[in-house]
Amino acid sequence: GSPNVNQAASLVGYNNFSHFAALFKKTYGVNPSNYVRD
């Protein structure tokens, strides 16, 4: 729960949020925003 999704993407080196979200969903089967909400 530390950063929001945009901050987490940036902290791990993704400048393109859409690319990060797509890879996250492909890897874990859930959108990062939905994961945070859950």
PDB file of all heavy atoms in Angstrom:
ATOM      1  N   GLY A   1       0.775  -1.226   0.000  1.00  0.00           N
ATOM      2  CA  GLY A   1       0.000   0.000   0.000  1.00  0.00           C
ATOM      3  C   GLY A   1       0.808   1.279   0.000  1.00  0.00           C
ATOM      4  O   GLY A   1       0.249   2.351   0.193  1.00  0.00           O
ATOM      5  N   SER A   2       2.117   1.196  -0.195  1.00  0.00           N
ATOM      6  CA  SER A   2       2.952   2.386  -0.146  1.00  0.00           C
ATOM      7  C   SER A   2       2.605   3.386  -1.245  1.00  0.00           C
ATOM      8  O   SER A   2       1.992   4.399  -0.986  1.00  0.00           O
ATOM      9  CB  SER A   2       4.433   2.017  -0.237  1.00  0.00           C
ATOM     10  OG  SER A   2       4.748   1.034   0.688  1.00  0.00           O
ATOM     11  N   PRO A   3       2.988   3.117  -2.472  1.00  0.00           N
ATOM     12  CA  PRO A   3       2.724   4.102  -3.528  1.00  0.00           C
ATOM     13  C   PRO A   3       1.427   3.780  -4.261  1.00  0.00           C
ATOM     14  O   PRO A   3       0.852   2.706  -4.097  1.00  0.00           O
ATOM     15  CB  PRO A   3       3.904   3.898  -4.477  1.00  0.00           C
ATOM     16  CG  PRO A   3       4.199   2.443  -4.377  1.00  0.00           C
ATOM     17  CD  PRO A   3       3.875   2.060  -2.932  1.00  0.00           C
ATOM     18  N   ASN A   4       0.985   4.737  -5.064  1.00  0.00           N
ATOM     19  CA  ASN A   4      -0.130   4.416  -5.945  1.00  0.00           C
ATOM     20  C   ASN A   4       0.437   3.674  -7.156  1.00  0.00           C
ATOM     21  O   ASN A   4       1.654   3.477  -7.257  1.00  0.00           O
ATOM     22  CB  ASN A   4      -0.925   5.668  -6.338  1.00  0.00           C
ATOM     23  CG  ASN A   4      -0.106   6.652  -7.144  1.00  0.00           C
ATOM     24  OD1 ASN A   4       0.705   6.281  -7.992  1.00  0.00           O
ATOM     25  ND2 ASN A   4      -0.327   7.933  -6.890  1.00  0.00           N
ATOM     26  N   VAL A   5      -0.400   3.273  -8.077  1.00  0.00           N
ATOM     27  CA  VAL A   5       0.034   2.446  -9.206  1.00  0.00           C
ATOM     28  C   VAL A   5       1.044   3.187 -10.077  1.00  0.00           C
ATOM     29  O   VAL A   5       2.060   2.615 -10.471  1.00  0.00           O
ATOM     30  CB  VAL A   5      -1.173   1.966 -10.036  1.00  0.00           C
ATOM     31  CG1 VAL A   5      -0.715   1.167 -11.243  1.00  0.00           C
ATOM     32  CG2 VAL A   5      -2.109   1.126  -9.176  1.00  0.00           C
ATOM     33  N   ASN A   6       0.795   4.447 -10.362  1.00  0.00           N
ATOM     34  CA  ASN A   6       1.742   5.220 -11.179  1.00  0.00           C
ATOM     35  C   ASN A   6       3.104   5.324 -10.509  1.00  0.00           C
ATOM     36  O   ASN A   6       4.141   5.199 -11.156  1.00  0.00           O
ATOM     37  CB  ASN A   6       1.201   6.627 -11.465  1.00  0.00           C
ATOM     38  CG  ASN A   6       0.081   6.624 -12.468  1.00  0.00           C
ATOM     39  OD1 ASN A   6       0.053   5.795 -13.373  1.00  0.00           O
ATOM     40  ND2 ASN A   6      -0.849   7.542 -12.311  1.00  0.00           N
ATOM     41  N   GLN A   7       3.104   5.558  -9.216  1.00  0.00           N
ATOM     42  CA  GLN A   7       4.368   5.657  -8.484  1.00  0.00           C
ATOM     43  C   GLN A   7       5.099   4.316  -8.462  1.00  0.00           C
ATOM     44  O   GLN A   7       6.319   4.270  -8.605  1.00  0.00           O
ATOM     45  CB  GLN A   7       4.123   6.141  -7.060  1.00  0.00           C
ATOM     46  CG  GLN A   7       3.667   7.575  -6.981  1.00  0.00           C
ATOM     47  CD  GLN A   7       3.202   7.955  -5.592  1.00  0.00           C
ATOM     48  OE1 GLN A   7       2.696   7.115  -4.844  1.00  0.00           O
ATOM     49  NE2 GLN A   7       3.349   9.224  -5.251  1.00  0.00           N
ATOM     50  N   ALA A   8       4.368   3.235  -8.268  1.00  0.00           N
ATOM     51  CA  ALA A   8       4.990   1.905  -8.259  1.00  0.00           C
ATOM     52  C   ALA A   8       5.622   1.613  -9.613  1.00  0.00           C
ATOM     53  O   ALA A   8       6.750   1.120  -9.682  1.00  0.00           O
ATOM     54  CB  ALA A   8       3.958   0.836  -7.907  1.00  0.00           C
ATOM     55  N   ALA A   9       4.905   1.921 -10.691  1.00  0.00           N
ATOM     56  CA  ALA A   9       5.448   1.711 -12.034  1.00  0.00           C
ATOM     57  C   ALA A   9       6.739   2.498 -12.215  1.00  0.00           C
ATOM     58  O   ALA A   9       7.731   1.978 -12.722  1.00  0.00           O
ATOM     59  CB  ALA A   9       4.420   2.113 -13.092  1.00  0.00           C
ATOM     60  N   SER A  10       6.729   3.732 -11.791  1.00  0.00           N
ATOM     61  CA  SER A  10       7.907   4.583 -11.921  1.00  0.00           C
ATOM     62  C   SER A  10       9.062   4.080 -11.054  1.00  0.00           C
ATOM     63  O   SER A  10      10.213   4.054 -11.497  1.00  0.00           O
ATOM     64  CB  SER A  10       7.548   6.014 -11.531  1.00  0.00           C
ATOM     65  OG  SER A  10       8.648   6.854 -11.668  1.00  0.00           O
ATOM     66  N   LEU A  11       8.757   3.661  -9.835  1.00  0.00           N
ATOM     67  CA  LEU A  11       9.800   3.183  -8.921  1.00  0.00           C
ATOM     68  C   LEU A  11      10.526   1.945  -9.436  1.00  0.00           C
ATOM     69  O   LEU A  11      11.698   1.746  -9.137  1.00  0.00           O
ATOM     70  CB  LEU A  11       9.210   2.888  -7.536  1.00  0.00           C
ATOM     71  CG  LEU A  11       8.870   4.103  -6.688  1.00  0.00           C
ATOM     72  CD1 LEU A  11       8.076   3.677  -5.458  1.00  0.00           C
ATOM     73  CD2 LEU A  11      10.137   4.844  -6.276  1.00  0.00           C
ATOM     74  N   VAL A  12       9.832   1.105 -10.192  1.00  0.00           N
ATOM     75  CA  VAL A  12      10.464  -0.100 -10.711  1.00  0.00           C
ATOM     76  C   VAL A  12      10.992   0.092 -12.129  1.00  0.00           C
ATOM     77  O   VAL A  12      11.449  -0.861 -12.755  1.00  0.00           O
ATOM     78  CB  VAL A  12       9.547  -1.342 -10.624  1.00  0.00           C
ATOM     79  CG1 VAL A  12       9.217  -1.646  -9.172  1.00  0.00           C
ATOM     80  CG2 VAL A  12       8.299  -1.181 -11.453  1.00  0.00           C
ATOM     81  N   GLY A  13      10.914   1.333 -12.636  1.00  0.00           N
ATOM     82  CA  GLY A  13      11.573   1.640 -13.894  1.00  0.00           C
ATOM     83  C   GLY A  13      10.708   1.723 -15.131  1.00  0.00           C
ATOM     84  O   GLY A  13      11.227   1.760 -16.243  1.00  0.00           O
ATOM     85  N   TYR A  14       9.382   1.758 -14.972  1.00  0.00           N
ATOM     86  CA  TYR A  14       8.501   1.880 -16.129  1.00  0.00           C
ATOM     87  C   TYR A  14       8.051   3.332 -16.264  1.00  0.00           C
ATOM     88  O   TYR A  14       7.383   3.859 -15.381  1.00  0.00           O
ATOM     89  CB  TYR A  14       7.283   0.965 -16.000  1.00  0.00           C
ATOM     90  CG  TYR A  14       7.618  -0.480 -16.215  1.00  0.00           C
ATOM     91  CD1 TYR A  14       7.872  -1.322 -15.144  1.00  0.00           C
ATOM     92  CD2 TYR A  14       7.697  -1.013 -17.497  1.00  0.00           C
ATOM     93  CE1 TYR A  14       8.202  -2.657 -15.345  1.00  0.00           C
ATOM     94  CE2 TYR A  14       8.029  -2.341 -17.704  1.00  0.00           C
ATOM     95  CZ  TYR A  14       8.272  -3.152 -16.621  1.00  0.00           C
ATOM     96  OH  TYR A  14       8.609  -4.467 -16.815  1.00  0.00           O
ATOM     97  N   ASN A  15       8.404   3.964 -17.372  1.00  0.00           N
ATOM     98  CA  ASN A  15       7.990   5.340 -17.636  1.00  0.00           C
ATOM     99  C   ASN A  15       6.633   5.377 -18.328  1.00  0.00           C
ATOM    100  O   ASN A  15       5.935   6.375 -18.257  1.00  0.00           O
ATOM    101  CB  ASN A  15       9.019   6.059 -18.507  1.00  0.00           C
ATOM    102  CG  ASN A  15      10.347   6.183 -17.791  1.00  0.00           C
ATOM    103  OD1 ASN A  15      10.389   6.403 -16.588  1.00  0.00           O
ATOM    104  ND2 ASN A  15      11.428   6.031 -18.532  1.00  0.00           N
ATOM    105  N   ASN A  16       6.269   4.289 -18.983  1.00  0.00           N
ATOM    106  CA  ASN A  16       5.008   4.213 -19.704  1.00  0.00           C
ATOM    107  C   ASN A  16       4.035   3.378 -18.870  1.00  0.00           C
ATOM    108  O   ASN A  16       4.153   2.150 -18.787  1.00  0.00           O
ATOM    109  CB  ASN A  16       5.239   3.578 -21.078  1.00  0.00           C
ATOM    110  CG  ASN A  16       4.000   3.530 -21.924  1.00  0.00           C
ATOM    111  OD1 ASN A  16       2.894   3.365 -21.433  1.00  0.00           O
ATOM    112  ND2 ASN A  16       4.199   3.650 -23.230  1.00  0.00           N
ATOM    113  N   PHE A  17       3.058   4.069 -18.267  1.00  0.00           N
ATOM    114  CA  PHE A  17       2.116   3.380 -17.389  1.00  0.00           C
ATOM    115  C   PHE A  17       1.315   2.318 -18.128  1.00  0.00           C
ATOM    116  O   PHE A  17       1.061   1.242 -17.588  1.00  0.00           O
ATOM    117  CB  PHE A  17       1.171   4.384 -16.724  1.00  0.00           C
ATOM    118  CG  PHE A  17       0.091   3.709 -15.936  1.00  0.00           C
ATOM    119  CD1 PHE A  17       0.379   3.118 -14.719  1.00  0.00           C
ATOM    120  CD2 PHE A  17      -1.203   3.643 -16.413  1.00  0.00           C
ATOM    121  CE1 PHE A  17      -0.611   2.475 -13.987  1.00  0.00           C
ATOM    122  CE2 PHE A  17      -2.195   3.003 -15.697  1.00  0.00           C
ATOM    123  CZ  PHE A  17      -1.903   2.417 -14.483  1.00  0.00           C
ATOM    124  N   SER A  18       0.906   2.599 -19.353  1.00  0.00           N
ATOM    125  CA  SER A  18       0.109   1.632 -20.119  1.00  0.00           C
ATOM    126  C   SER A  18       0.885   0.346 -20.355  1.00  0.00           C
ATOM    127  O   SER A  18       0.333  -0.756 -20.258  1.00  0.00           O
ATOM    128  CB  SER A  18      -0.314   2.227 -21.457  1.00  0.00           C
ATOM    129  OG  SER A  18      -1.144   3.332 -21.255  1.00  0.00           O
ATOM    130  N   HIS A  19       2.165   0.479 -20.659  1.00  0.00           N
ATOM    131  CA  HIS A  19       3.019  -0.690 -20.872  1.00  0.00           C
ATOM    132  C   HIS A  19       3.139  -1.488 -19.565  1.00  0.00           C
ATOM    133  O   HIS A  19       3.014  -2.720 -19.561  1.00  0.00           O
ATOM    134  CB  HIS A  19       4.391  -0.246 -21.375  1.00  0.00           C
ATOM    135  CG  HIS A  19       5.321  -1.361 -21.688  1.00  0.00           C
ATOM    136  ND1 HIS A  19       5.108  -2.239 -22.731  1.00  0.00           N
ATOM    137  CD2 HIS A  19       6.468  -1.756 -21.092  1.00  0.00           C
ATOM    138  CE1 HIS A  19       6.084  -3.123 -22.756  1.00  0.00           C
ATOM    139  NE2 HIS A  19       6.919  -2.855 -21.767  1.00  0.00           N
ATOM    140  N   PHE A  20       3.357  -0.782 -18.467  1.00  0.00           N
ATOM    141  CA  PHE A  20       3.453  -1.435 -17.164  1.00  0.00           C
ATOM    142  C   PHE A  20       2.154  -2.185 -16.836  1.00  0.00           C
ATOM    143  O   PHE A  20       2.183  -3.352 -16.443  1.00  0.00           O
ATOM    144  CB  PHE A  20       3.745  -0.403 -16.067  1.00  0.00           C
ATOM    145  CG  PHE A  20       3.548  -0.945 -14.675  1.00  0.00           C
ATOM    146  CD1 PHE A  20       4.477  -1.798 -14.119  1.00  0.00           C
ATOM    147  CD2 PHE A  20       2.429  -0.602 -13.935  1.00  0.00           C
ATOM    148  CE1 PHE A  20       4.295  -2.315 -12.839  1.00  0.00           C
ATOM    149  CE2 PHE A  20       2.233  -1.100 -12.662  1.00  0.00           C
ATOM    150  CZ  PHE A  20       3.168  -1.962 -12.110  1.00  0.00           C
ATOM    151  N   ALA A  21       1.022  -1.517 -17.020  1.00  0.00           N
ATOM    152  CA  ALA A  21      -0.272  -2.127 -16.695  1.00  0.00           C
ATOM    153  C   ALA A  21      -0.524  -3.371 -17.545  1.00  0.00           C
ATOM    154  O   ALA A  21      -1.020  -4.388 -17.040  1.00  0.00           O
ATOM    155  CB  ALA A  21      -1.396  -1.116 -16.880  1.00  0.00           C
ATOM    156  N   ALA A  22      -0.174  -3.305 -18.815  1.00  0.00           N
ATOM    157  CA  ALA A  22      -0.365  -4.451 -19.705  1.00  0.00           C
ATOM    158  C   ALA A  22       0.507  -5.631 -19.278  1.00  0.00           C
ATOM    159  O   ALA A  22       0.043  -6.783 -19.244  1.00  0.00           O
ATOM    160  CB  ALA A  22      -0.070  -4.061 -21.146  1.00  0.00           C
ATOM    161  N   LEU A  23       1.767  -5.370 -18.953  1.00  0.00           N
ATOM    162  CA  LEU A  23       2.658  -6.447 -18.507  1.00  0.00           C
ATOM    163  C   LEU A  23       2.213  -7.023 -17.165  1.00  0.00           C
ATOM    164  O   LEU A  23       2.279  -8.236 -16.939  1.00  0.00           O
ATOM    165  CB  LEU A  23       4.097  -5.939 -18.397  1.00  0.00           C
ATOM    166  CG  LEU A  23       4.825  -5.712 -19.708  1.00  0.00           C
ATOM    167  CD1 LEU A  23       6.181  -5.051 -19.459  1.00  0.00           C
ATOM    168  CD2 LEU A  23       5.009  -7.014 -20.453  1.00  0.00           C
ATOM    169  N   PHE A  24       1.785  -6.152 -16.272  1.00  0.00           N
ATOM    170  CA  PHE A  24       1.314  -6.595 -14.960  1.00  0.00           C
ATOM    171  C   PHE A  24       0.117  -7.529 -15.124  1.00  0.00           C
ATOM    172  O   PHE A  24       0.074  -8.601 -14.538  1.00  0.00           O
ATOM    173  CB  PHE A  24       0.935  -5.373 -14.107  1.00  0.00           C
ATOM    174  CG  PHE A  24       0.704  -5.674 -12.657  1.00  0.00           C
ATOM    175  CD1 PHE A  24       1.719  -5.527 -11.744  1.00  0.00           C
ATOM    176  CD2 PHE A  24      -0.544  -6.089 -12.189  1.00  0.00           C
ATOM    177  CE1 PHE A  24       1.518  -5.786 -10.387  1.00  0.00           C
ATOM    178  CE2 PHE A  24      -0.764  -6.356 -10.858  1.00  0.00           C
ATOM    179  CZ  PHE A  24       0.271  -6.198  -9.948  1.00  0.00           C
ATOM    180  N   LYS A  25      -0.845  -7.113 -15.954  1.00  0.00           N
ATOM    181  CA  LYS A  25      -2.032  -7.936 -16.175  1.00  0.00           C
ATOM    182  C   LYS A  25      -1.682  -9.249 -16.867  1.00  0.00           C
ATOM    183  O   LYS A  25      -2.204 -10.309 -16.513  1.00  0.00           O
ATOM    184  CB  LYS A  25      -3.069  -7.184 -16.997  1.00  0.00           C
ATOM    185  CG  LYS A  25      -4.350  -7.965 -17.143  1.00  0.00           C
ATOM    186  CD  LYS A  25      -5.456  -7.168 -17.736  1.00  0.00           C
ATOM    187  CE  LYS A  25      -6.710  -8.020 -17.763  1.00  0.00           C
ATOM    188  NZ  LYS A  25      -7.864  -7.263 -18.170  1.00  0.00           N
ATOM    189  N   LYS A  26      -0.775  -9.192 -17.836  1.00  0.00           N
ATOM    190  CA  LYS A  26      -0.360 -10.413 -18.538  1.00  0.00           C
ATOM    191  C   LYS A  26       0.319 -11.381 -17.571  1.00  0.00           C
ATOM    192  O   LYS A  26       0.118 -12.593 -17.636  1.00  0.00           O
ATOM    193  CB  LYS A  26       0.589 -10.052 -19.678  1.00  0.00           C
ATOM    194  CG  LYS A  26       1.053 -11.238 -20.479  1.00  0.00           C
ATOM    195  CD  LYS A  26       1.967 -10.801 -21.602  1.00  0.00           C
ATOM    196  CE  LYS A  26       2.472 -12.011 -22.376  1.00  0.00           C
ATOM    197  NZ  LYS A  26       3.400 -11.628 -23.437  1.00  0.00           N
ATOM    198  N   THR A  27       1.113 -10.856 -16.654  1.00  0.00           N
ATOM    199  CA  THR A  27       1.868 -11.687 -15.719  1.00  0.00           C
ATOM    200  C   THR A  27       0.997 -12.224 -14.591  1.00  0.00           C
ATOM    201  O   THR A  27       1.078 -13.407 -14.248  1.00  0.00           O
ATOM    202  CB  THR A  27       3.040 -10.887 -15.121  1.00  0.00           C
ATOM    203  OG1 THR A  27       3.868 -10.418 -16.187  1.00  0.00           O
ATOM    204  CG2 THR A  27       3.873 -11.730 -14.181  1.00  0.00           C
ATOM    205  N   TYR A  28       0.173 -11.362 -13.996  1.00  0.00           N
ATOM    206  CA  TYR A  28      -0.570 -11.737 -12.795  1.00  0.00           C
ATOM    207  C   TYR A  28      -2.060 -11.956 -13.022  1.00  0.00           C
ATOM    208  O   TYR A  28      -2.775 -12.365 -12.101  1.00  0.00           O
ATOM    209  CB  TYR A  28      -0.362 -10.687 -11.704  1.00  0.00           C
ATOM    210  CG  TYR A  28       1.081 -10.592 -11.272  1.00  0.00           C
ATOM    211  CD1 TYR A  28       1.835  -9.454 -11.511  1.00  0.00           C
ATOM    212  CD2 TYR A  28       1.707 -11.657 -10.637  1.00  0.00           C
ATOM    213  CE1 TYR A  28       3.151  -9.370 -11.131  1.00  0.00           C
ATOM    214  CE2 TYR A  28       3.026 -11.590 -10.244  1.00  0.00           C
ATOM    215  CZ  TYR A  28       3.746 -10.441 -10.496  1.00  0.00           C
ATOM    216  OH  TYR A  28       5.057 -10.363 -10.117  1.00  0.00           O
ATOM    217  N   GLY A  29      -2.555 -11.636 -14.221  1.00  0.00           N
ATOM    218  CA  GLY A  29      -3.954 -11.875 -14.527  1.00  0.00           C
ATOM    219  C   GLY A  29      -4.915 -10.869 -13.943  1.00  0.00           C
ATOM    220  O   GLY A  29      -6.122 -11.101 -13.919  1.00  0.00           O
ATOM    221  N   VAL A  30      -4.391  -9.767 -13.441  1.00  0.00           N
ATOM    222  CA  VAL A  30      -5.239  -8.735 -12.858  1.00  0.00           C
ATOM    223  C   VAL A  30      -4.636  -7.374 -13.176  1.00  0.00           C
ATOM    224  O   VAL A  30      -3.418  -7.211 -13.183  1.00  0.00           O
ATOM    225  CB  VAL A  30      -5.394  -8.930 -11.331  1.00  0.00           C
ATOM    226  CG1 VAL A  30      -4.080  -8.807 -10.604  1.00  0.00           C
ATOM    227  CG2 VAL A  30      -6.407  -7.985 -10.749  1.00  0.00           C
ATOM    228  N   ASN A  31      -5.503  -6.415 -13.433  1.00  0.00           N
ATOM    229  CA  ASN A  31      -5.051  -5.053 -13.671  1.00  0.00           C
ATOM    230  C   ASN A  31      -4.472  -4.498 -12.368  1.00  0.00           C
ATOM    231  O   ASN A  31      -5.033  -4.742 -11.296  1.00  0.00           O
ATOM    232  CB  ASN A  31      -6.262  -4.226 -14.132  1.00  0.00           C
ATOM    233  CG  ASN A  31      -5.898  -2.842 -14.538  1.00  0.00           C
ATOM    234  OD1 ASN A  31      -5.414  -2.062 -13.733  1.00  0.00           O
ATOM    235  ND2 ASN A  31      -6.144  -2.537 -15.793  1.00  0.00           N
ATOM    236  N   PRO A  32      -3.354  -3.758 -12.411  1.00  0.00           N
ATOM    237  CA  PRO A  32      -2.748  -3.273 -11.159  1.00  0.00           C
ATOM    238  C   PRO A  32      -3.690  -2.399 -10.333  1.00  0.00           C
ATOM    239  O   PRO A  32      -3.683  -2.473  -9.103  1.00  0.00           O
ATOM    240  CB  PRO A  32      -1.507  -2.504 -11.609  1.00  0.00           C
ATOM    241  CG  PRO A  32      -1.658  -2.289 -13.058  1.00  0.00           C
ATOM    242  CD  PRO A  32      -2.567  -3.340 -13.576  1.00  0.00           C
ATOM    243  N   SER A  33      -4.507  -1.593 -10.978  1.00  0.00           N
ATOM    244  CA  SER A  33      -5.463  -0.753 -10.231  1.00  0.00           C
ATOM    245  C   SER A  33      -6.488  -1.617  -9.507  1.00  0.00           C
ATOM    246  O   SER A  33      -6.853  -1.334  -8.358  1.00  0.00           O
ATOM    247  CB  SER A  33      -6.167   0.211 -11.174  1.00  0.00           C
ATOM    248  OG  SER A  33      -5.231   1.073 -11.777  1.00  0.00           O
ATOM    249  N   ASN A  34      -6.963  -2.662 -10.165  1.00  0.00           N
ATOM    250  CA  ASN A  34      -7.906  -3.584  -9.523  1.00  0.00           C
ATOM    251  C   ASN A  34      -7.242  -4.326  -8.375  1.00  0.00           C
ATOM    252  O   ASN A  34      -7.868  -4.582  -7.347  1.00  0.00           O
ATOM    253  CB  ASN A  34      -8.471  -4.576 -10.529  1.00  0.00           C
ATOM    254  CG  ASN A  34      -9.358  -3.921 -11.555  1.00  0.00           C
ATOM    255  OD1 ASN A  34      -9.798  -2.789 -11.380  1.00  0.00           O
ATOM    256  ND2 ASN A  34      -9.606  -4.615 -12.649  1.00  0.00           N
ATOM    257  N   TYR A  35      -5.984  -4.678  -8.548  1.00  0.00           N
ATOM    258  CA  TYR A  35      -5.255  -5.370  -7.481  1.00  0.00           C
ATOM    259  C   TYR A  35      -5.164  -4.484  -6.246  1.00  0.00           C
ATOM    260  O   TYR A  35      -5.421  -4.938  -5.132  1.00  0.00           O
ATOM    261  CB  TYR A  35      -3.860  -5.779  -7.960  1.00  0.00           C
ATOM    262  CG  TYR A  35      -3.053  -6.414  -6.867  1.00  0.00           C
ATOM    263  CD1 TYR A  35      -3.382  -7.665  -6.372  1.00  0.00           C
ATOM    264  CD2 TYR A  35      -1.971  -5.747  -6.291  1.00  0.00           C
ATOM    265  CE1 TYR A  35      -2.660  -8.248  -5.346  1.00  0.00           C
ATOM    266  CE2 TYR A  35      -1.248  -6.323  -5.263  1.00  0.00           C
ATOM    267  CZ  TYR A  35      -1.593  -7.573  -4.794  1.00  0.00           C
ATOM    268  OH  TYR A  35      -0.895  -8.139  -3.775  1.00  0.00           O
ATOM    269  N   VAL A  36      -4.826  -3.223  -6.449  1.00  0.00           N
ATOM    270  CA  VAL A  36      -4.728  -2.298  -5.327  1.00  0.00           C
ATOM    271  C   VAL A  36      -6.075  -2.167  -4.621  1.00  0.00           C
ATOM    272  O   VAL A  36      -6.149  -2.190  -3.397  1.00  0.00           O
ATOM    273  CB  VAL A  36      -4.221  -0.911  -5.796  1.00  0.00           C
ATOM    274  CG1 VAL A  36      -4.373   0.131  -4.710  1.00  0.00           C
ATOM    275  CG2 VAL A  36      -2.782  -1.005  -6.243  1.00  0.00           C
ATOM    276  N   ARG A  37      -7.147  -2.047  -5.400  1.00  0.00           N
ATOM    277  CA  ARG A  37      -8.479  -1.928  -4.833  1.00  0.00           C
ATOM    278  C   ARG A  37      -8.841  -3.183  -4.033  1.00  0.00           C
ATOM    279  O   ARG A  37      -9.382  -3.095  -2.935  1.00  0.00           O
ATOM    280  CB  ARG A  37      -9.499  -1.677  -5.941  1.00  0.00           C
ATOM    281  CG  ARG A  37     -10.884  -1.355  -5.403  1.00  0.00           C
ATOM    282  CD  ARG A  37     -11.904  -1.104  -6.488  1.00  0.00           C
ATOM    283  NE  ARG A  37     -12.038  -2.282  -7.329  1.00  0.00           N
ATOM    284  CZ  ARG A  37     -11.912  -2.281  -8.661  1.00  0.00           C
ATOM    285  NH1 ARG A  37     -11.652  -1.165  -9.311  1.00  0.00           N
ATOM    286  NH2 ARG A  37     -12.038  -3.395  -9.356  1.00  0.00           N
ATOM    287  N   ASP A  38      -8.512  -4.358  -4.573  1.00  0.00           N
ATOM    288  CA  ASP A  38      -8.820  -5.619  -3.887  1.00  0.00           C
ATOM    289  C   ASP A  38      -8.011  -5.785  -2.615  1.00  0.00           C
ATOM    290  O   ASP A  38      -8.513  -6.273  -1.616  1.00  0.00           O
ATOM    291  CB  ASP A  38      -8.594  -6.813  -4.814  1.00  0.00           C
ATOM    292  CG  ASP A  38      -9.577  -6.849  -5.967  1.00  0.00           C
ATOM    293  OD1 ASP A  38     -10.615  -6.135  -5.899  1.00  0.00           O
ATOM    294  OD2 ASP A  38      -9.311  -7.575  -6.940  1.00  0.00           O
TER     295      ASP A  38
END
